[in-house]
Amino acid sequence: MLQKSARHYIPVIKHIASLDRDIWKIDVDQYTEANLQQLVKIYHEIQAILIPEKQAGLTLITKVMLGVFGFVPAFDQYFCNSFREIYGKQCGFRSFNYDALSYIKDF
């Protein structure tokens, strides 16, 4: 992403600006089923805009979501390794999905 012009981010900025303002009210204590589905949907929308080749991008997308919304942690190696250690084989934290978010809520 460092090799990209700042113009590369215009579509994702426009998309985020178009989202319902209630999205910014979500935090871990409001991780309802509907909100978790919304978070996963937003993740996939941002991924489709920033990484159209469908490459992984787990850390990048979750860092964007953390920086913009603050409602999810960045799924970087430190977070994922720590939560894998806590939850073992129950959840691998290798993808951004409903299960991973549910374990974060439980934590």
Protein backbone atom coordinates (compact mmCIF):
# COMPACT_ATOMS: atom_id res chain seq x y z
CA MET A 1 0.00 0.00 0.00
CA LEU A 2 2.97 2.33 0.47
CA GLN A 3 3.50 2.39 -3.29
CA LYS A 4 -0.03 3.71 -3.86
CA SER A 5 -0.90 7.34 -4.44
CA ALA A 6 -3.17 9.05 -1.92
CA ARG A 7 -5.79 9.07 -4.70
CA HIS A 8 -5.99 5.28 -4.31
CA TYR A 9 -7.88 5.86 -1.05
CA ILE A 10 -10.58 8.19 -2.46
CA PRO A 11 -13.08 5.37 -3.17
CA VAL A 12 -12.79 3.90 0.34
CA ILE A 13 -13.08 7.35 1.92
CA LYS A 14 -16.23 8.03 -0.12
CA HIS A 15 -17.64 4.64 0.86
CA ILE A 16 -16.97 5.17 4.57
CA ALA A 17 -18.50 8.65 4.38
CA SER A 18 -21.64 7.15 2.85
CA LEU A 19 -22.22 4.67 5.69
CA ASP A 20 -25.01 5.15 8.20
CA ARG A 21 -23.78 7.36 11.04
CA ASP A 22 -25.05 4.83 13.61
CA ILE A 23 -22.06 2.64 12.66
CA TRP A 24 -19.86 4.89 14.80
CA LYS A 25 -21.95 4.06 17.88
CA ILE A 26 -21.02 0.36 17.78
CA ASP A 27 -18.54 -0.84 20.36
CA VAL A 28 -17.83 -4.24 21.87
CA ASP A 29 -20.63 -3.86 24.40
CA GLN A 30 -23.05 -3.48 21.46
CA TYR A 31 -21.86 -6.57 19.58
CA THR A 32 -25.34 -7.87 18.81
CA GLU A 33 -25.89 -10.41 16.05
CA ALA A 34 -27.08 -7.65 13.70
CA ASN A 35 -24.10 -5.43 14.52
CA LEU A 36 -21.63 -8.28 14.04
CA GLN A 37 -23.10 -9.00 10.63
CA GLN A 38 -22.81 -5.29 9.80
CA LEU A 39 -19.14 -5.24 10.85
CA VAL A 40 -18.35 -8.26 8.68
CA LYS A 41 -20.19 -6.61 5.77
CA ILE A 42 -18.20 -3.38 6.21
CA TYR A 43 -14.97 -5.38 6.36
CA HIS A 44 -15.73 -7.07 3.03
CA GLU A 45 -16.79 -3.79 1.42
CA ILE A 46 -13.57 -2.05 2.43
CA GLN A 47 -11.56 -5.08 1.34
CA ALA A 48 -13.24 -5.08 -2.10
CA ILE A 49 -12.39 -1.41 -2.57
CA LEU A 50 -8.81 -1.41 -1.23
CA ILE A 51 -7.74 -4.87 -2.40
CA PRO A 52 -9.79 -5.75 -5.48
CA GLU A 53 -7.56 -8.75 -6.22
CA LYS A 54 -9.09 -10.45 -3.13
CA GLN A 55 -5.71 -10.84 -1.45
CA ALA A 56 -5.85 -11.41 2.28
CA GLY A 57 -5.32 -7.94 3.77
CA LEU A 58 -6.64 -8.93 7.21
CA THR A 59 -4.25 -6.65 9.08
CA LEU A 60 -4.65 -3.73 6.67
CA ILE A 61 -8.44 -3.75 6.62
CA THR A 62 -8.82 -4.17 10.38
CA LYS A 63 -6.29 -1.38 10.99
CA VAL A 64 -8.35 0.88 8.74
CA MET A 65 -11.49 -0.11 10.65
CA LEU A 66 -9.78 0.46 14.00
CA GLY A 67 -8.47 3.85 12.93
CA VAL A 68 -11.75 5.04 11.41
CA PHE A 69 -14.41 3.47 13.62
CA GLY A 70 -12.59 2.13 16.68
CA PHE A 71 -14.99 -0.81 17.00
CA VAL A 72 -12.63 -3.68 16.25
CA PRO A 73 -9.01 -4.41 17.13
CA ALA A 74 -6.40 -4.62 14.42
CA PHE A 75 -5.98 -8.29 13.56
CA ASP A 76 -2.19 -8.04 13.44
CA GLN A 77 0.18 -10.84 14.36
CA TYR A 78 0.36 -9.83 18.02
CA PHE A 79 -3.39 -9.68 18.53
CA CYS A 80 -4.06 -12.88 16.58
CA ASN A 81 -1.29 -14.83 18.29
CA SER A 82 -2.49 -13.69 21.72
CA PHE A 83 -6.11 -14.61 21.07
CA ARG A 84 -5.13 -17.96 19.52
CA GLU A 85 -3.27 -18.68 22.75
CA ILE A 86 -6.29 -17.71 24.84
CA TYR A 87 -8.91 -19.56 22.79
CA GLY A 88 -6.84 -22.38 21.32
CA LYS A 89 -8.54 -24.32 18.56
CA GLN A 90 -11.94 -22.75 19.23
CA CYS A 91 -11.13 -19.81 16.96
CA GLY A 92 -7.99 -19.32 14.90
CA PHE A 93 -8.37 -15.57 14.36
CA ARG A 94 -7.13 -16.03 10.80
CA SER A 95 -10.10 -14.26 9.26
CA PHE A 96 -12.48 -11.48 10.16
CA ASN A 97 -15.75 -13.24 10.77
CA TYR A 98 -18.71 -13.60 13.11
CA ASP A 99 -16.96 -16.24 15.25
CA ALA A 100 -13.85 -14.13 15.85
CA LEU A 101 -15.97 -11.11 16.78
CA SER A 102 -18.04 -13.25 19.14
CA TYR A 103 -14.89 -14.35 20.98
CA ILE A 104 -13.79 -10.73 21.25
CA LYS A 105 -17.16 -9.87 22.77
CA ASP A 106 -16.87 -12.76 25.25
CA PHE A 107 -13.37 -11.67 26.22
